N, C-alpha and C. Protein backbone atom coordinates (compact mmCIF):
# COMPACT_ATOMS: atom_id res chain seq x y z
N MET A 1 244.86 -91.61 80.20
CA MET A 1 245.27 -90.71 78.93
C MET A 1 245.74 -89.73 77.70
N LYS A 2 245.79 -91.27 77.36
CA LYS A 2 245.83 -91.68 75.49
C LYS A 2 244.58 -91.96 75.27
N THR A 3 243.89 -92.56 76.28
CA THR A 3 242.62 -93.11 75.57
C THR A 3 241.69 -92.35 76.14
N THR A 4 242.06 -91.27 76.63
CA THR A 4 240.67 -90.27 76.84
C THR A 4 240.87 -89.21 75.51
N ARG A 5 241.98 -89.16 75.23
CA ARG A 5 242.02 -88.37 73.87
C ARG A 5 241.65 -89.22 72.88
N HIS A 6 241.62 -90.29 72.40
CA HIS A 6 241.06 -90.90 71.97
C HIS A 6 239.89 -90.91 71.04
N LEU A 7 238.86 -90.74 73.02
CA LEU A 7 237.69 -90.74 72.80
C LEU A 7 236.91 -89.71 72.59
N ALA A 8 237.59 -88.81 73.11
CA ALA A 8 237.28 -87.53 72.60
C ALA A 8 237.53 -86.71 71.18
N ALA A 9 238.51 -87.25 70.53
CA ALA A 9 238.68 -87.74 68.88
C ALA A 9 237.50 -88.30 68.24
N LEU A 10 237.45 -89.19 68.74
CA LEU A 10 235.75 -89.84 68.59
C LEU A 10 234.89 -89.12 68.45
N PHE A 11 234.34 -89.16 69.42
CA PHE A 11 233.39 -88.37 69.65
C PHE A 11 233.48 -86.96 69.42
N LEU A 12 234.42 -85.98 68.53
CA LEU A 12 234.53 -85.33 67.44
C LEU A 12 233.81 -85.53 66.22
N ALA A 13 234.66 -86.85 65.76
CA ALA A 13 234.39 -87.07 65.25
C ALA A 13 232.97 -87.37 64.60
N ILE A 14 232.03 -88.13 65.32
CA ILE A 14 230.77 -88.37 65.10
C ILE A 14 230.05 -86.90 64.93
N ALA A 15 230.10 -85.91 65.61
CA ALA A 15 229.66 -84.67 66.17
C ALA A 15 229.89 -84.37 64.59
N LEU A 16 230.91 -84.64 64.19
CA LEU A 16 231.41 -83.33 62.85
C LEU A 16 230.48 -84.44 61.53
N ILE A 17 230.56 -85.58 61.55
CA ILE A 17 229.60 -86.15 60.44
C ILE A 17 228.20 -86.10 60.99
N GLY A 18 227.65 -86.34 61.86
CA GLY A 18 226.89 -85.93 62.30
C GLY A 18 226.10 -84.60 61.74
N THR A 19 227.08 -83.48 61.62
CA THR A 19 226.71 -82.03 61.41
C THR A 19 226.91 -81.87 59.71
N ALA A 20 227.86 -83.08 59.58
CA ALA A 20 228.73 -82.05 57.90
C ALA A 20 227.66 -82.68 56.83
N ALA A 21 226.41 -83.91 57.27
CA ALA A 21 226.20 -84.31 55.74
C ALA A 21 224.68 -83.91 56.33
N PRO A 22 224.51 -82.96 54.70
CA PRO A 22 223.26 -82.47 54.84
C PRO A 22 222.09 -83.58 54.50
N THR A 23 220.77 -83.12 55.36
CA THR A 23 219.31 -83.84 54.78
C THR A 23 218.83 -84.04 53.42
N THR A 24 218.30 -84.61 52.94
CA THR A 24 217.63 -84.19 51.76
C THR A 24 216.58 -83.37 51.61
N ALA A 25 216.00 -83.02 52.85
CA ALA A 25 215.56 -81.37 53.12
C ALA A 25 216.17 -80.57 52.30
N GLN A 26 217.51 -80.63 53.25
CA GLN A 26 218.61 -79.48 53.84
C GLN A 26 218.64 -78.98 52.29
N ALA A 27 218.93 -80.14 51.58
CA ALA A 27 219.80 -80.07 49.83
C ALA A 27 218.54 -79.35 49.22
N SER A 28 217.48 -79.79 49.19
CA SER A 28 216.03 -80.05 48.60
C SER A 28 215.96 -78.01 49.04
N ALA A 29 215.71 -77.79 49.87
CA ALA A 29 215.50 -76.08 50.37
C ALA A 29 216.93 -75.48 49.60
N ARG A 30 217.73 -75.63 49.87
CA ARG A 30 219.04 -74.71 49.25
C ARG A 30 218.54 -74.84 47.58
N ALA A 31 218.20 -76.12 46.92
CA ALA A 31 217.81 -75.86 45.81
C ALA A 31 217.27 -75.55 45.14
N ARG A 32 215.86 -74.87 45.83
CA ARG A 32 214.59 -74.09 46.32
C ARG A 32 215.31 -72.31 46.05
N LEU A 33 215.54 -72.49 47.06
CA LEU A 33 216.66 -71.16 47.33
C LEU A 33 217.41 -70.65 45.82
N LEU A 34 218.53 -71.59 45.23
CA LEU A 34 219.13 -70.94 44.30
C LEU A 34 217.89 -70.87 42.91
N ASP A 35 217.29 -71.43 42.60
CA ASP A 35 215.79 -71.50 41.65
C ASP A 35 215.27 -69.85 42.06
N ARG A 36 214.45 -69.74 42.91
CA ARG A 36 214.00 -68.92 43.74
C ARG A 36 215.07 -67.33 43.10
N LEU A 37 216.18 -67.78 43.74
CA LEU A 37 216.73 -66.58 43.75
C LEU A 37 217.48 -65.87 42.10
N ASN A 38 217.89 -67.65 40.91
CA ASN A 38 217.82 -66.71 39.90
C ASN A 38 216.27 -66.92 39.18
N HIS A 39 215.57 -66.78 39.23
CA HIS A 39 214.29 -66.68 39.39
C HIS A 39 214.26 -65.27 39.30
N VAL A 40 214.29 -64.74 40.08
CA VAL A 40 214.21 -62.78 40.88
C VAL A 40 214.99 -62.15 39.65
N ARG A 41 216.20 -62.90 39.68
CA ARG A 41 217.44 -62.26 39.25
C ARG A 41 217.26 -62.20 37.69
N ALA A 42 216.67 -63.07 36.69
CA ALA A 42 216.12 -62.81 35.62
C ALA A 42 215.16 -62.27 35.39
N VAL A 43 214.15 -61.93 36.30
CA VAL A 43 213.40 -60.89 35.92
C VAL A 43 213.30 -59.49 35.88
N HIS A 44 215.10 -59.51 36.67
CA HIS A 44 215.45 -57.64 36.94
C HIS A 44 216.39 -57.85 35.82
N GLY A 45 216.84 -58.98 34.26
CA GLY A 45 217.50 -58.79 33.42
C GLY A 45 218.89 -59.32 34.01
N LEU A 46 219.31 -60.08 35.19
CA LEU A 46 220.47 -60.02 35.41
C LEU A 46 220.63 -61.37 35.20
N PRO A 47 222.03 -62.22 35.15
CA PRO A 47 222.67 -63.61 35.13
C PRO A 47 222.44 -64.41 36.46
N ALA A 48 222.52 -65.32 35.46
CA ALA A 48 222.13 -66.91 36.67
C ALA A 48 223.46 -66.90 37.69
N VAL A 49 223.42 -67.01 39.19
CA VAL A 49 224.24 -67.03 39.68
C VAL A 49 224.46 -68.67 39.63
N HIS A 50 225.94 -69.51 39.94
CA HIS A 50 225.92 -70.69 40.24
C HIS A 50 226.58 -70.89 41.16
N GLY A 51 225.84 -72.32 41.99
CA GLY A 51 226.56 -72.80 43.11
C GLY A 51 228.15 -72.99 43.15
N ALA A 52 228.52 -72.77 44.13
CA ALA A 52 229.67 -73.60 44.33
C ALA A 52 230.12 -74.20 45.53
N ARG A 53 230.89 -75.47 45.42
CA ARG A 53 230.53 -76.64 46.70
C ARG A 53 231.77 -75.80 47.87
N SER A 54 232.55 -74.96 47.71
CA SER A 54 233.52 -74.75 48.43
C SER A 54 232.53 -73.35 49.15
N LEU A 55 232.29 -72.75 48.28
CA LEU A 55 231.18 -71.24 49.32
C LEU A 55 230.22 -72.01 50.00
N ARG A 56 229.75 -73.05 49.14
CA ARG A 56 228.87 -73.42 49.99
C ARG A 56 229.03 -74.14 51.89
N ALA A 57 230.27 -74.64 51.73
CA ALA A 57 230.72 -75.61 52.88
C ALA A 57 230.80 -73.97 53.65
N ALA A 58 231.46 -73.41 53.26
CA ALA A 58 231.96 -71.70 54.36
C ALA A 58 230.41 -71.30 54.90
N ALA A 59 229.46 -71.21 54.08
CA ALA A 59 228.02 -70.94 54.89
C ALA A 59 227.55 -71.83 55.36
N SER A 60 228.11 -72.89 55.23
CA SER A 60 227.25 -74.05 56.08
C SER A 60 227.86 -73.77 57.85
N ARG A 61 229.59 -73.68 57.45
CA ARG A 61 230.19 -73.23 58.85
C ARG A 61 229.48 -71.84 59.60
N HIS A 62 229.31 -71.21 58.83
CA HIS A 62 228.49 -70.10 59.18
C HIS A 62 227.57 -70.16 60.05
N SER A 63 226.37 -70.91 59.15
CA SER A 63 225.57 -71.07 59.77
C SER A 63 225.28 -71.91 60.91
N HIS A 64 226.19 -73.02 60.97
CA HIS A 64 226.04 -73.87 62.16
C HIS A 64 226.39 -73.58 62.87
N ASP A 65 227.67 -72.85 62.89
CA ASP A 65 228.01 -71.74 64.27
C ASP A 65 226.91 -70.85 64.50
N MET A 66 226.49 -69.91 63.67
CA MET A 66 225.26 -69.38 64.17
C MET A 66 224.41 -70.03 65.39
N LEU A 67 223.92 -70.92 65.07
CA LEU A 67 223.45 -71.85 65.66
C LEU A 67 223.60 -72.45 66.76
N ALA A 68 224.54 -72.80 66.66
CA ALA A 68 225.47 -73.22 67.75
C ALA A 68 225.84 -72.50 68.91
N ARG A 69 225.85 -71.23 68.93
CA ARG A 69 226.45 -70.24 69.56
C ARG A 69 225.27 -69.12 69.65
N ASP A 70 223.56 -69.79 68.90
CA ASP A 70 222.92 -68.42 69.10
C ASP A 70 222.74 -66.75 68.92
N TYR A 71 223.72 -66.70 67.95
CA TYR A 71 224.24 -65.48 67.59
C TYR A 71 223.51 -65.19 65.88
N PHE A 72 223.11 -64.40 65.89
CA PHE A 72 222.71 -63.50 64.35
C PHE A 72 223.86 -62.81 63.66
N ALA A 73 224.81 -62.74 63.11
CA ALA A 73 225.47 -61.50 62.63
C ALA A 73 226.48 -62.17 61.42
N HIS A 74 226.89 -60.84 60.97
CA HIS A 74 227.78 -61.29 59.56
C HIS A 74 229.22 -61.35 60.64
N THR A 75 229.43 -61.21 61.54
CA THR A 75 230.59 -61.69 61.93
C THR A 75 230.49 -62.31 63.46
N SER A 76 231.01 -63.04 63.63
CA SER A 76 231.18 -64.51 64.52
C SER A 76 231.67 -63.53 65.99
N PRO A 77 231.22 -64.47 66.82
CA PRO A 77 231.99 -63.85 67.71
C PRO A 77 233.19 -64.03 68.40
N THR A 78 234.13 -65.01 67.54
CA THR A 78 235.19 -64.80 67.74
C THR A 78 236.21 -63.80 67.00
N GLY A 79 235.66 -63.32 65.86
CA GLY A 79 235.80 -62.33 65.00
C GLY A 79 235.51 -62.65 63.47
N SER A 80 235.28 -63.92 63.13
CA SER A 80 235.80 -64.57 62.26
C SER A 80 234.59 -63.57 60.70
N THR A 81 235.02 -63.10 59.55
CA THR A 81 234.08 -62.67 58.64
C THR A 81 233.71 -63.06 57.53
N LEU A 82 233.06 -62.44 57.14
CA LEU A 82 232.79 -62.80 55.27
C LEU A 82 233.81 -63.10 54.77
N TYR A 83 235.48 -62.32 54.48
CA TYR A 83 236.45 -61.81 54.01
C TYR A 83 237.04 -63.29 54.66
N HIS A 84 236.87 -64.05 56.11
CA HIS A 84 238.15 -65.01 56.52
C HIS A 84 237.17 -66.24 55.83
N ARG A 85 235.91 -66.09 55.69
CA ARG A 85 235.40 -67.60 55.02
C ARG A 85 235.11 -67.37 53.83
N ILE A 86 235.37 -66.67 53.51
CA ILE A 86 235.82 -66.79 51.74
C ILE A 86 236.74 -66.61 51.28
N THR A 87 238.09 -66.49 52.18
CA THR A 87 239.41 -67.25 51.96
C THR A 87 240.11 -68.06 52.16
N GLY A 88 239.04 -68.36 52.91
CA GLY A 88 239.32 -69.74 54.02
C GLY A 88 238.66 -70.87 53.11
N SER A 89 237.74 -70.81 51.77
CA SER A 89 237.13 -71.83 50.94
C SER A 89 237.94 -72.57 50.35
N GLY A 90 239.16 -70.78 49.94
CA GLY A 90 239.45 -71.87 48.64
C GLY A 90 239.45 -71.51 47.71
N PHE A 91 237.79 -71.01 47.12
CA PHE A 91 237.62 -70.44 46.17
C PHE A 91 237.99 -69.48 45.12
N VAL A 92 238.69 -68.27 46.21
CA VAL A 92 239.21 -67.12 45.48
C VAL A 92 240.83 -67.15 45.24
N ASP A 93 241.56 -68.54 45.70
CA ASP A 93 242.75 -68.34 45.37
C ASP A 93 243.35 -67.93 44.13
N GLY A 94 243.88 -67.27 43.72
CA GLY A 94 244.52 -66.62 42.73
C GLY A 94 243.78 -65.79 41.73
N TYR A 95 243.17 -65.28 42.66
CA TYR A 95 241.59 -64.80 42.18
C TYR A 95 241.92 -63.43 42.69
N ALA A 96 241.42 -61.99 42.03
CA ALA A 96 240.72 -61.27 42.72
C ALA A 96 239.35 -61.03 42.66
N TRP A 97 238.54 -60.45 43.76
CA TRP A 97 237.42 -61.25 44.15
C TRP A 97 236.64 -59.55 44.92
N ARG A 98 235.79 -60.19 44.65
CA ARG A 98 234.63 -59.30 45.53
C ARG A 98 233.33 -59.98 46.00
N GLY A 99 233.05 -59.96 47.62
CA GLY A 99 231.87 -60.81 47.86
C GLY A 99 231.06 -60.18 48.55
N GLY A 100 229.63 -60.67 49.16
CA GLY A 100 228.69 -60.35 49.77
C GLY A 100 228.47 -61.58 50.38
N GLU A 101 227.39 -61.36 51.38
CA GLU A 101 226.70 -61.93 52.61
C GLU A 101 225.16 -62.11 52.24
N THR A 102 224.37 -63.02 52.94
CA THR A 102 222.78 -62.53 53.15
C THR A 102 223.14 -63.51 54.10
N LEU A 103 221.93 -62.94 55.39
CA LEU A 103 221.47 -63.86 56.11
C LEU A 103 220.07 -63.80 56.34
N ALA A 104 219.60 -64.99 56.86
CA ALA A 104 217.84 -64.85 57.48
C ALA A 104 217.97 -65.98 58.35
N TRP A 105 217.07 -65.64 59.07
CA TRP A 105 216.07 -66.69 60.20
C TRP A 105 215.01 -66.57 60.13
N GLY A 106 214.10 -67.86 60.65
CA GLY A 106 212.73 -67.83 61.05
C GLY A 106 212.57 -69.23 61.03
N THR A 107 211.36 -69.35 62.09
CA THR A 107 211.12 -70.70 61.93
C THR A 107 210.71 -71.20 60.82
N THR A 108 210.56 -73.17 61.23
CA THR A 108 210.38 -73.62 59.31
C THR A 108 209.21 -72.98 58.95
N GLY A 109 208.12 -72.85 59.58
CA GLY A 109 207.07 -72.42 59.20
C GLY A 109 207.03 -71.07 58.25
N VAL A 110 208.14 -70.24 58.50
CA VAL A 110 208.79 -69.20 57.81
C VAL A 110 209.68 -68.95 57.06
N ALA A 111 211.12 -69.76 57.23
CA ALA A 111 212.20 -70.02 56.89
C ALA A 111 212.06 -70.93 55.48
N THR A 112 210.95 -70.03 54.91
CA THR A 112 210.75 -71.58 53.24
C THR A 112 211.94 -70.35 52.40
N PRO A 113 212.28 -70.78 51.48
CA PRO A 113 212.65 -70.23 50.49
C PRO A 113 212.28 -68.79 49.74
N ARG A 114 210.79 -69.02 49.62
CA ARG A 114 209.96 -67.79 49.17
C ARG A 114 210.11 -66.79 50.29
N TRP A 115 209.83 -67.46 51.37
CA TRP A 115 209.55 -66.17 52.28
C TRP A 115 211.21 -65.53 52.46
N THR A 116 212.13 -66.51 52.13
CA THR A 116 213.88 -65.54 52.67
C THR A 116 214.12 -64.94 51.37
N VAL A 117 213.61 -65.40 50.50
CA VAL A 117 213.89 -64.09 48.92
C VAL A 117 213.19 -63.29 49.21
N HIS A 118 212.07 -63.08 49.63
CA HIS A 118 210.86 -61.97 49.95
C HIS A 118 211.47 -61.19 50.66
N ALA A 119 211.88 -61.60 52.25
CA ALA A 119 212.61 -60.99 53.08
C ALA A 119 213.64 -60.17 52.37
N TRP A 120 214.12 -60.73 51.26
CA TRP A 120 215.72 -60.38 51.08
C TRP A 120 215.25 -58.92 49.74
N MET A 121 214.63 -59.31 49.46
CA MET A 121 214.23 -57.99 48.40
C MET A 121 213.77 -56.84 49.40
N HIS A 122 213.09 -57.58 50.25
CA HIS A 122 212.55 -56.28 51.02
C HIS A 122 213.50 -55.36 52.50
N SER A 123 214.51 -55.93 51.83
CA SER A 123 215.48 -55.41 52.89
C SER A 123 216.55 -54.01 51.40
N PRO A 124 216.43 -52.84 51.52
CA PRO A 124 217.50 -52.74 50.67
C PRO A 124 218.71 -53.02 50.40
N GLU A 125 220.12 -53.15 51.61
CA GLU A 125 221.28 -54.01 51.50
C GLU A 125 220.92 -55.24 50.95
N HIS A 126 220.28 -56.21 51.70
CA HIS A 126 220.05 -57.72 51.08
C HIS A 126 219.89 -57.65 49.31
N ARG A 127 218.55 -56.91 49.44
CA ARG A 127 218.60 -55.84 47.85
C ARG A 127 219.51 -56.27 46.94
N ASP A 128 220.64 -54.88 47.33
CA ASP A 128 221.13 -54.46 46.67
C ASP A 128 222.76 -55.90 46.31
N ILE A 129 222.79 -57.21 47.08
CA ILE A 129 223.55 -57.98 46.87
C ILE A 129 222.64 -59.17 45.54
N LEU A 130 221.22 -59.30 46.17
CA LEU A 130 220.68 -60.13 45.42
C LEU A 130 220.32 -59.97 43.95
N LEU A 131 220.31 -58.37 43.43
CA LEU A 131 220.27 -58.06 42.14
C LEU A 131 221.37 -57.26 41.51
N SER A 132 222.65 -57.41 42.67
CA SER A 132 224.28 -57.05 41.58
C SER A 132 224.05 -57.98 40.48
N PRO A 133 224.85 -57.46 39.51
CA PRO A 133 225.14 -57.85 38.50
C PRO A 133 226.65 -58.33 38.43
N THR A 134 227.17 -57.82 40.03
CA THR A 134 228.53 -58.59 39.85
C THR A 134 229.03 -59.85 40.13
N PHE A 135 227.36 -60.32 41.08
CA PHE A 135 227.98 -62.22 41.33
C PHE A 135 227.57 -63.11 40.81
N ARG A 136 228.96 -63.53 40.31
CA ARG A 136 228.34 -65.01 39.51
C ARG A 136 228.15 -66.38 40.11
N TRP A 137 228.84 -66.57 41.50
CA TRP A 137 228.91 -67.73 42.59
C TRP A 137 228.22 -67.66 43.82
N ILE A 138 227.77 -68.54 43.95
CA ILE A 138 226.79 -68.49 45.60
C ILE A 138 227.59 -69.40 46.63
N GLY A 139 227.47 -69.85 47.69
CA GLY A 139 227.18 -70.72 48.66
C GLY A 139 226.01 -70.46 48.90
N ILE A 140 225.14 -71.39 49.85
CA ILE A 140 223.76 -71.65 50.36
C ILE A 140 224.13 -72.48 51.61
N SER A 141 223.66 -72.22 52.16
CA SER A 141 223.74 -73.02 53.36
C SER A 141 222.35 -72.79 54.50
N ARG A 142 221.45 -74.21 54.59
CA ARG A 142 220.57 -72.99 55.89
C ARG A 142 220.21 -74.92 56.64
N THR A 143 220.65 -74.06 58.39
CA THR A 143 220.67 -74.94 59.34
C THR A 143 219.91 -74.24 60.38
N CYS A 144 218.76 -76.25 60.36
CA CYS A 144 217.61 -75.81 61.62
C CYS A 144 217.96 -76.84 62.65
N GLY A 145 217.42 -75.61 63.67
CA GLY A 145 217.39 -76.83 65.02
C GLY A 145 217.30 -75.40 66.32
N ARG A 146 217.51 -75.71 67.14
CA ARG A 146 216.51 -74.68 68.37
C ARG A 146 217.77 -73.28 68.31
N PHE A 147 217.14 -72.26 68.04
CA PHE A 147 217.99 -70.78 67.79
C PHE A 147 216.68 -69.49 68.28
N LYS A 148 217.51 -69.08 69.02
CA LYS A 148 216.81 -67.89 69.95
C LYS A 148 215.45 -68.48 70.54
N HIS A 149 215.66 -69.20 71.41
CA HIS A 149 214.26 -69.58 71.64
C HIS A 149 213.51 -70.53 71.10
N HIS A 150 213.84 -70.66 70.27
CA HIS A 150 212.80 -71.11 69.21
C HIS A 150 213.04 -72.73 68.82
N SER A 151 212.21 -74.05 69.31
CA SER A 151 212.85 -75.04 68.37
C SER A 151 212.67 -75.41 67.47
N ASN A 152 211.55 -74.96 66.52
CA ASN A 152 212.10 -74.99 65.12
C ASN A 152 212.47 -73.93 64.18
N ALA A 153 214.05 -73.71 64.38
CA ALA A 153 214.16 -72.46 63.82
C ALA A 153 215.25 -73.08 62.28
N CYS A 154 215.37 -71.99 61.34
CA CYS A 154 216.42 -72.42 59.94
C CYS A 154 217.14 -71.40 60.30
N VAL A 155 218.38 -71.42 59.59
CA VAL A 155 218.91 -70.35 59.67
C VAL A 155 219.64 -70.37 58.71
N TRP A 156 219.70 -69.37 57.49
CA TRP A 156 220.25 -69.03 56.20
C TRP A 156 221.25 -68.33 55.77
N THR A 157 222.78 -68.82 54.94
CA THR A 157 223.38 -68.44 54.73
C THR A 157 223.46 -67.87 53.32
N ALA A 158 223.97 -67.34 52.69
CA ALA A 158 223.89 -66.92 51.39
C ALA A 158 225.45 -66.28 50.80
N ASP A 159 226.26 -66.83 50.84
CA ASP A 159 227.87 -65.98 50.83
C ASP A 159 227.65 -66.19 48.92
N TRP A 160 227.96 -64.40 48.15
CA TRP A 160 228.19 -64.28 46.97
C TRP A 160 229.67 -63.75 46.28
N VAL A 161 230.06 -63.80 45.53
CA VAL A 161 231.50 -63.86 44.95
C VAL A 161 231.32 -63.99 43.18
N ARG A 162 232.11 -62.59 43.28
CA ARG A 162 232.81 -62.51 41.61
C ARG A 162 234.10 -62.80 41.57
N ARG A 163 234.52 -63.40 41.46
CA ARG A 163 236.31 -63.60 40.79
C ARG A 163 237.05 -63.29 39.33
N SER A 164 237.58 -63.04 39.55
CA SER A 164 238.58 -62.49 38.37
C SER A 164 239.49 -62.22 38.30
N ARG A 165 240.60 -62.63 37.08
CA ARG A 165 242.07 -62.92 37.45
C ARG A 165 242.74 -61.88 37.13
């Protein structure tokens, strides 16, 4: 019984290591999306948003969960919401805060940073978040794999935050 638990723990650790380490392509895609978002914000006279590692981790967990469970929503099948993800990140501990979330998915040929920002700018709800002067911090994630019957799909999550004392 003890050996079975140890093996299960080992397999879980290997699985977590495999999903936690971003590829260079994923990191590059996140950086390009942030650049694109800040370019659009600058064109509209807005300040840049800055990446936050703990928000990126929260966004990453949500992207991975959507891919693994094959759903696309701000609320997970277990009931986890943006509020849960942001407060669970530790980024807003001791702060008053406001948050927003933008999601996108598509096949790898379509789910580029340029396409994603274009799609968000053409969606009133997403555009409002992207062009909000409120937000100063962002966590960006892109997870790729099989999703919604497509073998080469990518899921984006961007968690936007403004925190104040």
